[in-house]
Amino acid sequence: MGKPTGFLEYNRETAKVLPPKVRIANFKEFRTPLNKEKQKLQGARCMACGVPFCQAGMMIGGMASGCPLHNLVPETNDLVFTGNWKQAFLRLNKTHSFPEFTSRVCPALCEAACTCNLNGEPVSTKENERAIIENAYAEGWVVPQPPKVRTGKTIAVIGSGPSGLAAAQQLNRRGHNVTVFERSDRIGGLLRYGIPNMKLEKSVIDRRLKLMEAEGVKFVTNTNVGVDITAEELLKKYDRVILCCGASNPRDIKVPGRDAKGIYFAVDFLKKVTKTLLDSDFTKAPYEEAKGKHVLVIGGGDTGNDCVGTSVRLGAKSVTQLEMMPMPPTERAASNPWPEWPKVLKTDYGQEEAIAVFGHDPRVYQTTVTEFIKDKNGNVCQARIVKLKSEKDAKTGRMMMVPVEGTEEVIPADLVLIAAGFLGSQKYVTDAFKVATTARTNVETKPEAYETSVPRVFTAGDMHRGQSLVVWAIREGREAAKAVDESLMGYSYL
């Protein structure tokens, strides 16, 4: 696939990125894709390796290696190289519901597993994917695909994040009547309110939603299932129900002073910012949330980085990001060989922007908060932090991060954003449907299955597998759709 010697002849090249101090002036996407001719050369770099781990989507060393959707990566790269853009789109469309989302927000598991990593830089598969889908939209190839025949079967999808949308799309195209319920005021779930606009412009979501509506999917917003409508009502009205509510139960930081004003869960903060932008048609940003404040972000993942980038845009006086674990190495360790996911240092867009504005990396490793300090009005004004070290627990034998005596210090903190991950699904939803849950509060199913302990109730996405990536959510939504289709029809074409 591609040009046999392309990986030797052409260097990896990716989209042009606006300088940090320029892009923080607004909340728009800041990457300018390559032109078609340059993108074709990137497709040429796919090296016909014979064993394409890029599309494997398998677990190696406890981590995913390659695309969970099993996108036909070498084939689409080759079609980009040869300029067969429509065929590239049709090939990508076989396995992927929403390449316009993953080509913006996915960490590119395909690229991490690329064989070119052994002696150089991987094929820019993620950007090739974006070029394919955006060109398809521009050429008018992405059109509604309503089913020719309706089965008369009805399905309720609870939650409109990537897993719910993927399940709805597939089941509707199969001919079933699908209604998606969303408790927020807009459709999109994590895509809408969990990912900032500069990372995924919301017009990209709206573009896809219009297609799904044209195909026949019904969307119901401002409806909190388990509160506004009961599980019994849904099971009486619909033949099947799919729970795609996400892992929306945030992990808290339980230390003295947690009740201070000015401490928020990260997703609540990000949602407020995005909602303000959308409600005002991007004429207003909530600068009052962070302007002139010392911002403390607790958590080092993607959501923590998004909080950093958002705070910089809102005019923060300083941003500090705490990470409990040690700083990763800059190159793969011998114990982390290809094609495992590379556990190496990654400096994302938000951290790049903080470095440009404040002159230093906002991340402080092996550190946690032990106390939030309030002012006389009950607002958080400082945080007491402490260094951590790895130590084996005498009882369990597990390695634990424990405080280092004598390393405590107090830092300013006028706004605290907790981005410490999620514990699983929210109890009021699982209780409403009476579904069994795991020890991690994810909805329980049999291995590699999607039907819950309650007949006719299925699940997918983070609610099923725990906090994960958009690409995994789409994979789960598509697989759950297949399971639902088989339960309804006795077989499935999905």
Protein backbone atom coordinates (compact mmCIF):
# COMPACT_ATOMS: atom_id res chain seq x y z
CA MET A 1 0.00 0.00 0.00
CA GLY A 2 1.21 3.49 -0.72
CA LYS A 3 4.53 3.83 -2.47
CA PRO A 4 6.94 1.01 -1.54
CA THR A 5 9.78 3.46 -0.90
CA GLY A 6 7.60 6.41 0.10
CA PHE A 7 8.53 6.26 3.78
CA LEU A 8 12.18 6.68 2.73
CA GLU A 9 11.57 9.47 0.23
CA TYR A 10 9.10 11.70 2.05
CA ASN A 11 9.24 13.15 5.55
CA ARG A 12 6.20 13.13 7.78
CA GLU A 13 4.30 16.39 7.50
CA THR A 14 1.20 17.47 9.38
CA ALA A 15 -1.20 20.41 9.37
CA LYS A 16 0.11 23.90 9.95
CA VAL A 17 -0.67 25.10 13.46
CA LEU A 18 -1.19 28.71 14.48
CA PRO A 19 1.36 29.97 17.05
CA PRO A 20 0.08 29.64 20.64
CA LYS A 21 -0.13 33.39 21.30
CA VAL A 22 -2.18 33.85 18.14
CA ARG A 23 -4.65 31.01 18.58
CA ILE A 24 -5.52 31.79 22.21
CA ALA A 25 -7.27 34.96 21.03
CA ASN A 26 -10.39 32.90 20.25
CA PHE A 27 -11.98 29.47 20.60
CA LYS A 28 -11.67 28.41 16.95
CA GLU A 29 -9.86 25.37 15.58
CA PHE A 30 -6.29 26.38 14.79
CA ARG A 31 -4.96 23.74 12.40
CA THR A 32 -4.71 24.36 8.64
CA PRO A 33 -4.64 21.02 6.77
CA LEU A 34 -2.17 20.27 3.99
CA ASN A 35 -3.25 20.74 0.39
CA LYS A 36 -4.23 17.66 -1.60
CA GLU A 37 -0.88 17.22 -3.31
CA LYS A 38 1.06 17.27 -0.04
CA GLN A 39 -1.51 14.99 1.58
CA LYS A 40 -1.03 12.48 -1.26
CA LEU A 41 2.68 12.30 -0.39
CA GLN A 42 1.72 11.48 3.19
CA GLY A 43 -0.41 8.64 1.87
CA ALA A 44 2.62 7.50 -0.11
CA ARG A 45 4.54 6.95 3.15
CA CYS A 46 2.39 3.89 4.00
CA MET A 47 4.99 1.19 3.55
CA ALA A 48 3.11 -2.00 2.61
CA CYS A 49 4.40 -3.54 5.84
CA GLY A 50 2.48 -6.79 5.44
CA VAL A 51 1.25 -6.97 9.05
CA PRO A 52 -0.63 -3.69 9.58
CA PHE A 53 -0.85 -3.27 13.34
CA CYS A 54 -2.35 0.16 12.59
CA GLN A 55 -5.75 -1.46 12.00
CA ALA A 56 -5.49 -4.28 14.55
CA GLY A 57 -7.31 -2.68 17.49
CA MET A 58 -5.98 -5.37 19.81
CA MET A 59 -4.76 -5.29 23.38
CA ILE A 60 -1.00 -5.64 23.80
CA GLY A 61 0.60 -5.25 27.21
CA GLY A 62 -2.74 -4.16 28.65
CA MET A 63 -3.04 -1.28 26.16
CA ALA A 64 -4.80 -0.86 22.84
CA SER A 65 -2.63 -1.13 19.75
CA GLY A 66 -4.09 0.06 16.49
CA CYS A 67 -7.53 1.35 15.55
CA PRO A 68 -10.42 -0.15 17.58
CA LEU A 69 -12.70 0.41 14.57
CA HIS A 70 -10.41 -1.73 12.39
CA ASN A 71 -10.35 0.99 9.76
CA LEU A 72 -8.71 -0.37 6.61
CA VAL A 73 -5.78 1.97 7.12
CA PRO A 74 -3.28 0.80 4.45
CA GLU A 75 -6.05 0.76 1.86
CA THR A 76 -7.28 4.27 2.61
CA ASN A 77 -3.70 5.57 2.73
CA ASP A 78 -3.05 4.03 -0.68
CA LEU A 79 -6.21 5.62 -2.10
CA VAL A 80 -5.07 9.00 -0.79
CA PHE A 81 -1.69 8.46 -2.45
CA THR A 82 -3.28 7.64 -5.80
CA GLY A 83 -5.79 10.49 -5.54
CA ASN A 84 -8.86 8.25 -5.51
CA TRP A 85 -10.60 10.40 -2.93
CA LYS A 86 -14.12 9.09 -3.42
CA GLN A 87 -12.97 5.49 -3.11
CA ALA A 88 -11.03 6.46 -0.01
CA PHE A 89 -14.20 7.89 1.50
CA LEU A 90 -16.26 4.82 0.59
CA ARG A 91 -13.62 2.55 2.09
CA LEU A 92 -13.42 4.59 5.30
CA ASN A 93 -17.21 4.70 5.50
CA LYS A 94 -17.33 0.90 5.70
CA THR A 95 -15.91 0.86 9.21
CA HIS A 96 -16.32 4.37 10.59
CA SER A 97 -19.40 6.36 11.57
CA PHE A 98 -17.81 9.73 12.30
CA PRO A 99 -14.27 10.22 10.96
CA GLU A 100 -14.74 13.99 11.22
CA PHE A 101 -14.73 13.59 15.03
CA THR A 102 -11.83 11.19 15.52
CA SER A 103 -9.63 12.96 12.97
CA ARG A 104 -9.77 15.93 15.32
CA VAL A 105 -9.75 14.47 18.83
CA CYS A 106 -8.35 10.92 18.66
CA PRO A 107 -4.83 10.33 20.03
CA ALA A 108 -4.25 8.22 16.90
CA LEU A 109 -3.81 4.68 18.13
CA CYS A 110 -3.27 3.79 14.46
CA GLU A 111 -0.17 5.97 14.24
CA ALA A 112 1.27 4.68 17.50
CA ALA A 113 1.11 1.16 16.04
CA CYS A 114 2.51 2.14 12.61
CA THR A 115 5.50 0.03 11.55
CA CYS A 116 7.34 3.19 10.48
CA ASN A 117 7.80 3.92 14.20
CA LEU A 118 10.54 1.31 14.30
CA ASN A 119 13.03 3.48 12.43
CA GLY A 120 11.34 6.83 11.92
CA GLU A 121 8.07 8.70 12.16
CA PRO A 122 4.64 7.12 11.58
CA VAL A 123 2.36 7.71 8.61
CA SER A 124 0.07 10.68 9.27
CA THR A 125 -3.01 8.46 9.13
CA LYS A 126 -5.10 10.73 11.36
CA GLU A 127 -4.64 13.68 9.02
CA ASN A 128 -5.18 11.50 5.97
CA GLU A 129 -8.49 10.50 7.54
CA ARG A 130 -9.45 14.13 8.07
CA ALA A 131 -8.54 14.97 4.49
CA ILE A 132 -10.70 12.10 3.24
CA ILE A 133 -13.84 13.06 5.17
CA GLU A 134 -13.55 16.83 4.69
CA ASN A 135 -12.99 16.38 0.97
CA ALA A 136 -16.03 14.08 0.89
CA TYR A 137 -18.17 16.76 2.52
CA ALA A 138 -16.84 19.39 0.14
CA GLU A 139 -17.60 17.22 -2.89
CA GLY A 140 -21.12 16.38 -1.70
CA TRP A 141 -20.45 12.67 -1.22
CA VAL A 142 -21.59 12.58 2.40
CA VAL A 143 -25.35 12.40 1.95
CA PRO A 144 -28.26 11.08 4.02
CA GLN A 145 -28.70 7.31 3.83
CA PRO A 146 -32.31 6.69 4.89
CA PRO A 147 -33.38 3.04 4.85
CA LYS A 148 -35.51 1.87 1.94
CA VAL A 149 -37.67 -0.28 4.23
CA ARG A 150 -38.71 0.23 7.85
CA THR A 151 -38.94 -2.77 10.17
CA GLY A 152 -41.48 -1.24 12.54
CA LYS A 153 -39.16 -1.93 15.49
CA THR A 154 -38.53 0.93 17.94
CA ILE A 155 -35.36 1.70 19.85
CA ALA A 156 -34.58 4.31 22.50
CA VAL A 157 -30.96 5.42 22.85
CA ILE A 158 -30.25 7.15 26.15
CA GLY A 159 -27.38 9.59 25.74
CA SER A 160 -26.16 11.38 22.63
CA GLY A 161 -22.41 11.07 22.98
CA PRO A 162 -20.31 9.23 20.38
CA SER A 163 -21.50 5.75 21.38
CA GLY A 164 -25.17 6.75 21.36
CA LEU A 165 -24.89 8.52 18.02
CA ALA A 166 -23.03 5.59 16.45
CA ALA A 167 -25.63 3.09 17.68
CA ALA A 168 -28.48 5.34 16.50
CA GLN A 169 -26.94 5.82 13.07
CA GLN A 170 -26.42 2.12 12.45
CA LEU A 171 -29.80 0.97 13.74
CA ASN A 172 -31.68 3.65 11.84
CA ARG A 173 -29.93 2.72 8.60
CA ARG A 174 -30.96 -0.88 9.26
CA GLY A 175 -34.59 0.26 9.14
CA HIS A 176 -35.49 0.50 12.82
CA ASN A 177 -37.13 3.61 14.26
CA VAL A 178 -34.62 5.25 16.61
CA THR A 179 -35.14 8.02 19.16
CA VAL A 180 -32.17 9.52 21.02
CA PHE A 181 -32.80 11.08 24.44
CA GLU A 182 -30.40 13.69 25.83
CA ARG A 183 -30.65 15.41 29.22
CA SER A 184 -28.74 18.51 28.08
CA ASP A 185 -30.11 21.28 25.90
CA ARG A 186 -28.08 20.18 22.86
CA ILE A 187 -27.20 16.87 21.25
CA GLY A 188 -23.61 15.63 21.38
CA GLY A 189 -22.83 14.58 24.94
CA LEU A 190 -19.07 14.48 25.49
CA LEU A 191 -18.49 15.77 21.96
CA ARG A 192 -20.60 18.84 22.61
CA TYR A 193 -19.75 19.84 26.15
CA GLY A 194 -16.75 17.75 27.21
CA ILE A 195 -14.41 18.74 24.36
CA PRO A 196 -13.61 22.46 23.87
CA ASN A 197 -14.56 24.19 20.65
CA MET A 198 -10.94 24.85 19.59
CA LYS A 199 -10.42 21.09 19.57
CA LEU A 200 -13.74 20.18 17.91
CA GLU A 201 -15.81 23.00 16.46
CA LYS A 202 -19.46 22.37 17.24
CA SER A 203 -20.50 23.13 13.67
CA VAL A 204 -18.80 19.83 12.79
CA ILE A 205 -21.23 18.01 15.11
CA ASP A 206 -24.23 19.95 13.80
CA ARG A 207 -23.31 19.05 10.23
CA ARG A 208 -23.51 15.34 11.06
CA LEU A 209 -26.69 15.71 13.13
CA LYS A 210 -28.50 17.27 10.17
CA LEU A 211 -27.61 14.21 8.12
CA MET A 212 -28.88 11.85 10.82
CA GLU A 213 -32.13 13.78 11.14
CA ALA A 214 -32.55 13.60 7.36
CA GLU A 215 -32.05 9.85 7.64
CA GLY A 216 -34.89 9.62 10.16
CA VAL A 217 -33.26 9.63 13.60
CA LYS A 218 -35.33 11.53 16.17
CA PHE A 219 -33.61 13.61 18.86
CA VAL A 220 -35.21 14.62 22.16
CA THR A 221 -33.29 17.10 24.33
CA ASN A 222 -33.83 18.39 27.89
CA THR A 223 -35.11 14.99 28.94
CA ASN A 224 -33.37 13.32 31.86
CA VAL A 225 -34.20 9.62 31.73
CA GLY A 226 -34.78 8.33 35.23
CA VAL A 227 -36.11 11.71 36.30
CA ASP A 228 -38.30 13.23 33.57
CA ILE A 229 -39.29 9.87 32.12
CA THR A 230 -39.16 6.49 33.83
CA ALA A 231 -37.44 3.33 32.70
CA GLU A 232 -40.79 1.55 32.80
CA GLU A 233 -42.29 4.05 30.37
CA LEU A 234 -39.44 3.59 27.92
CA LEU A 235 -39.52 -0.21 28.09
CA LYS A 236 -43.27 -0.14 27.50
CA LYS A 237 -42.99 2.16 24.48
CA TYR A 238 -39.80 0.83 22.84
CA ASP A 239 -38.74 -2.66 21.78
CA ARG A 240 -35.15 -2.08 22.93
CA VAL A 241 -33.29 0.48 25.04
CA ILE A 242 -29.56 1.24 24.79
CA LEU A 243 -27.89 3.00 27.72
CA CYS A 244 -25.11 5.27 26.43
CA CYS A 245 -24.94 7.76 29.30
CA GLY A 246 -21.17 7.87 29.64
CA ALA A 247 -18.91 7.57 32.68
CA SER A 248 -20.26 10.82 34.01
CA ASN A 249 -19.61 10.29 37.72
CA PRO A 250 -16.51 12.47 38.37
CA ARG A 251 -13.81 11.43 40.83
CA ASP A 252 -13.62 13.97 43.66
CA ILE A 253 -10.72 15.25 45.76
CA LYS A 254 -11.66 14.68 49.40
CA VAL A 255 -9.42 16.97 51.43
CA PRO A 256 -10.07 19.72 54.00
CA GLY A 257 -11.51 22.85 52.41
CA ARG A 258 -13.19 21.00 49.55
CA ASP A 259 -16.39 22.94 50.26
CA ALA A 260 -14.75 26.26 49.34
CA LYS A 261 -16.29 28.32 46.56
CA GLY A 262 -14.42 28.33 43.25
CA ILE A 263 -13.78 24.58 43.04
CA TYR A 264 -15.39 22.84 40.07
CA PHE A 265 -15.31 19.52 38.31
CA ALA A 266 -13.52 19.98 34.98
CA VAL A 267 -16.40 18.91 32.74
CA ASP A 268 -18.81 21.28 34.53
CA PHE A 269 -16.37 24.11 33.88
CA LEU A 270 -15.82 23.17 30.24
CA LYS A 271 -19.56 22.81 29.68
CA LYS A 272 -20.24 26.26 31.10
CA VAL A 273 -17.65 27.82 28.80
CA THR A 274 -18.93 26.04 25.69
CA LYS A 275 -22.58 26.74 26.53
CA THR A 276 -21.84 30.45 26.95
CA LEU A 277 -20.12 30.51 23.57
CA LEU A 278 -22.95 28.65 21.85
CA ASP A 279 -25.76 30.60 23.53
CA SER A 280 -24.18 33.88 22.40
CA ASP A 281 -23.28 32.60 18.92
CA PHE A 282 -19.63 33.06 19.90
CA THR A 283 -20.02 36.77 20.66
CA LYS A 284 -19.38 36.24 24.37
CA ALA A 285 -16.93 34.18 26.39
CA PRO A 286 -17.16 33.80 30.19
CA TYR A 287 -13.89 35.61 30.93
CA GLU A 288 -15.03 36.25 34.48
CA GLU A 289 -14.51 32.57 35.24
CA ALA A 290 -10.71 32.74 35.06
CA LYS A 291 -9.52 36.25 34.12
CA GLY A 292 -6.79 37.43 36.47
CA LYS A 293 -7.01 34.25 38.57
CA HIS A 294 -4.46 31.70 39.65
CA VAL A 295 -5.89 28.49 38.17
CA LEU A 296 -5.07 25.08 39.63
CA VAL A 297 -5.88 22.06 37.45
CA ILE A 298 -5.79 18.71 39.21
CA GLY A 299 -5.25 15.88 36.74
CA GLY A 300 -2.93 15.32 33.82
CA GLY A 301 -5.07 13.70 31.14
CA ASP A 302 -6.78 15.12 28.06
CA THR A 303 -9.46 16.83 30.14
CA GLY A 304 -6.83 18.47 32.33
CA ASN A 305 -5.06 19.76 29.23
CA ASP A 306 -8.36 21.11 27.89
CA CYS A 307 -8.82 23.00 31.17
CA VAL A 308 -5.34 24.49 30.79
CA GLY A 309 -6.02 25.67 27.23
CA THR A 310 -9.43 27.05 28.17
CA SER A 311 -8.08 28.90 31.22
CA VAL A 312 -5.33 30.49 29.14
CA ARG A 313 -7.95 31.73 26.66
CA LEU A 314 -10.01 33.15 29.49
CA GLY A 315 -7.11 35.27 30.69
CA ALA A 316 -5.82 33.35 33.71
CA LYS A 317 -3.03 35.01 35.68
CA SER A 318 -1.27 31.66 36.08
CA VAL A 319 -2.03 28.00 35.48
CA THR A 320 -0.63 25.08 37.45
CA GLN A 321 -1.44 21.48 36.53
CA LEU A 322 -0.79 18.75 39.10
CA GLU A 323 -0.02 15.19 38.08
CA MET A 324 0.33 12.41 40.65
CA MET A 325 2.56 10.21 38.53
CA PRO A 326 6.23 10.80 37.59
CA MET A 327 7.13 12.58 34.38
CA PRO A 328 7.14 10.04 31.51
CA PRO A 329 10.33 9.50 29.51
CA THR A 330 10.79 11.40 26.25
CA GLU A 331 11.48 8.14 24.38
CA ARG A 332 10.13 4.62 24.67
CA ALA A 333 11.58 2.57 27.50
CA ALA A 334 12.91 -0.90 26.73
CA SER A 335 9.96 -2.31 28.67
CA ASN A 336 7.53 -0.47 26.36
CA PRO A 337 8.39 -1.71 22.86
CA TRP A 338 6.50 -1.10 19.63
CA PRO A 339 3.66 -1.85 18.86
CA GLU A 340 2.54 -1.14 22.44
CA TRP A 341 1.06 2.28 23.09
CA PRO A 342 4.08 4.56 23.74
CA LYS A 343 4.16 5.72 27.36
CA VAL A 344 6.17 8.84 26.60
CA LEU A 345 5.96 12.53 27.43
CA LYS A 346 3.33 14.35 25.41
CA THR A 347 3.01 18.12 25.45
CA ASP A 348 -0.48 18.94 24.18
CA TYR A 349 -1.91 22.18 22.82
CA GLY A 350 -2.99 23.59 26.19
CA GLN A 351 0.40 23.02 27.75
CA GLU A 352 2.09 24.55 24.70
CA GLU A 353 -0.05 27.64 25.14
CA ALA A 354 0.70 27.91 28.87
CA ILE A 355 4.42 27.63 28.13
CA ALA A 356 4.16 30.42 25.54
CA VAL A 357 2.18 32.72 27.85
CA PHE A 358 3.78 32.03 31.23
CA GLY A 359 7.24 30.92 30.18
CA HIS A 360 7.20 27.47 31.77
CA ASP A 361 5.44 24.11 31.61
CA PRO A 362 2.33 24.22 33.84
CA ARG A 363 2.74 20.58 34.88
CA VAL A 364 4.06 19.66 38.30
CA TYR A 365 4.66 15.92 38.58
CA GLN A 366 4.42 13.57 41.57
CA THR A 367 2.36 16.13 43.47
CA THR A 368 -1.11 16.25 44.98
CA VAL A 369 -3.33 18.54 47.06
CA THR A 370 -3.72 18.00 50.79
CA GLU A 371 -5.89 21.03 51.62
CA PHE A 372 -7.80 23.90 50.03
CA ILE A 373 -7.51 27.16 51.95
CA LYS A 374 -10.39 29.66 52.01
CA ASP A 375 -10.49 33.42 52.40
CA LYS A 376 -12.86 35.18 54.80
CA ASN A 377 -15.69 34.91 52.27
CA GLY A 378 -15.35 31.16 51.81
CA ASN A 379 -13.64 31.36 48.43
CA VAL A 380 -10.67 29.17 47.67
CA CYS A 381 -7.52 31.30 47.66
CA GLN A 382 -4.68 28.82 48.20
CA ALA A 383 -3.89 25.13 48.04
CA ARG A 384 -1.52 23.11 50.16
CA ILE A 385 0.37 20.62 48.01
CA VAL A 386 2.87 17.86 48.72
CA LYS A 387 5.35 15.81 46.71
CA LEU A 388 4.74 12.08 46.26
CA LYS A 389 6.93 9.02 45.92
CA SER A 390 6.26 5.46 44.85
CA GLU A 391 6.23 2.95 47.70
CA LYS A 392 5.02 -0.63 48.07
CA ASP A 393 1.96 -1.10 50.30
CA ALA A 394 2.85 -3.59 53.04
CA LYS A 395 -0.65 -5.13 53.09
CA THR A 396 -1.52 -5.38 49.40
CA GLY A 397 1.94 -5.47 47.84
CA ARG A 398 0.86 -2.83 45.34
CA MET A 399 2.93 0.21 44.51
CA MET A 400 1.30 3.36 45.87
CA MET A 401 2.06 7.07 45.59
CA VAL A 402 2.61 8.35 49.14
CA PRO A 403 3.46 11.84 50.51
CA VAL A 404 7.08 12.82 51.07
CA GLU A 405 7.57 14.38 54.49
CA GLY A 406 8.86 17.93 54.55
CA THR A 407 7.81 18.76 50.96
CA GLU A 408 4.56 20.59 51.68
CA GLU A 409 4.08 24.08 50.27
CA VAL A 410 1.24 26.53 49.76
CA ILE A 411 0.47 27.94 46.32
CA PRO A 412 -2.11 30.53 45.20
CA ALA A 413 -5.34 29.09 43.77
CA ASP A 414 -8.38 31.25 43.00
CA LEU A 415 -9.98 28.70 40.68
CA VAL A 416 -9.60 24.93 41.08
CA LEU A 417 -10.60 22.50 38.33
CA ILE A 418 -10.76 18.83 39.25
CA ALA A 419 -9.89 16.67 36.24
CA ALA A 420 -9.13 13.46 38.13
CA GLY A 421 -11.12 11.14 35.89
CA PHE A 422 -14.46 9.42 36.31
CA LEU A 423 -15.66 6.57 38.49
CA GLY A 424 -18.31 5.20 36.16
CA SER A 425 -22.00 5.52 35.41
CA GLN A 426 -24.34 7.60 37.53
CA LYS A 427 -26.34 5.62 40.07
CA TYR A 428 -29.74 7.15 39.44
CA VAL A 429 -29.70 5.84 35.85
CA THR A 430 -28.53 2.32 36.68
CA ASP A 431 -31.01 2.17 39.57
CA ALA A 432 -33.83 3.33 37.31
CA PHE A 433 -33.24 0.40 34.93
CA LYS A 434 -32.19 -2.00 37.71
CA VAL A 435 -29.17 -3.14 35.69
CA ALA A 436 -26.26 -4.92 37.35
CA THR A 437 -23.02 -2.97 37.66
CA THR A 438 -19.38 -3.91 38.16
CA ALA A 439 -17.17 -2.97 41.09
CA ARG A 440 -16.22 0.13 39.10
CA THR A 441 -19.95 0.98 38.68
CA ASN A 442 -19.85 0.32 34.93
CA VAL A 443 -22.92 -1.44 33.55
CA GLU A 444 -22.22 -5.16 33.58
CA THR A 445 -22.58 -7.47 30.59
CA LYS A 446 -21.13 -10.78 29.55
CA PRO A 447 -17.65 -10.53 27.98
CA GLU A 448 -17.76 -9.08 24.45
CA ALA A 449 -21.53 -8.64 24.81
CA TYR A 450 -23.77 -5.59 25.18
CA GLU A 451 -27.06 -6.81 26.67
CA THR A 452 -27.38 -5.99 30.37
CA SER A 453 -28.81 -8.13 33.17
CA VAL A 454 -32.23 -6.71 32.27
CA PRO A 455 -33.81 -8.18 29.11
CA ARG A 456 -34.16 -5.75 26.19
CA VAL A 457 -31.78 -3.25 27.81
CA PHE A 458 -28.34 -2.86 26.21
CA THR A 459 -25.39 -0.59 26.92
CA ALA A 460 -22.37 0.86 25.13
CA GLY A 461 -19.53 3.35 25.45
CA ASP A 462 -17.99 4.68 28.64
CA MET A 463 -21.02 3.54 30.63
CA HIS A 464 -20.06 0.01 29.66
CA ARG A 465 -16.25 0.00 29.44
CA GLY A 466 -15.41 2.93 31.73
CA GLN A 467 -13.77 6.24 30.85
CA SER A 468 -12.14 5.86 27.45
CA LEU A 469 -11.61 7.41 24.03
CA VAL A 470 -14.10 8.69 21.46
CA VAL A 471 -12.94 6.02 19.01
CA TRP A 472 -13.71 3.27 21.54
CA ALA A 473 -17.14 4.79 22.17
CA ILE A 474 -17.91 4.70 18.44
CA ARG A 475 -16.71 1.09 18.26
CA GLU A 476 -18.94 0.14 21.19
CA GLY A 477 -21.94 1.96 19.72
CA ARG A 478 -21.58 0.10 16.42
CA GLU A 479 -21.12 -3.26 18.15
CA ALA A 480 -24.10 -2.65 20.45
CA ALA A 481 -26.19 -1.76 17.40
CA LYS A 482 -25.29 -5.11 15.85
CA ALA A 483 -26.26 -6.93 19.06
CA VAL A 484 -29.59 -5.09 19.23
CA ASP A 485 -30.30 -5.80 15.57
CA GLU A 486 -29.63 -9.51 16.06
CA SER A 487 -31.90 -9.62 19.11
CA LEU A 488 -34.71 -8.00 17.10
CA MET A 489 -34.31 -9.74 13.74
CA GLY A 490 -32.45 -12.95 14.52
CA TYR A 491 -29.58 -11.90 12.25
CA SER A 492 -27.78 -8.68 11.36
CA TYR A 493 -26.33 -6.97 8.30
CA LEU A 494 -24.55 -4.38 10.44
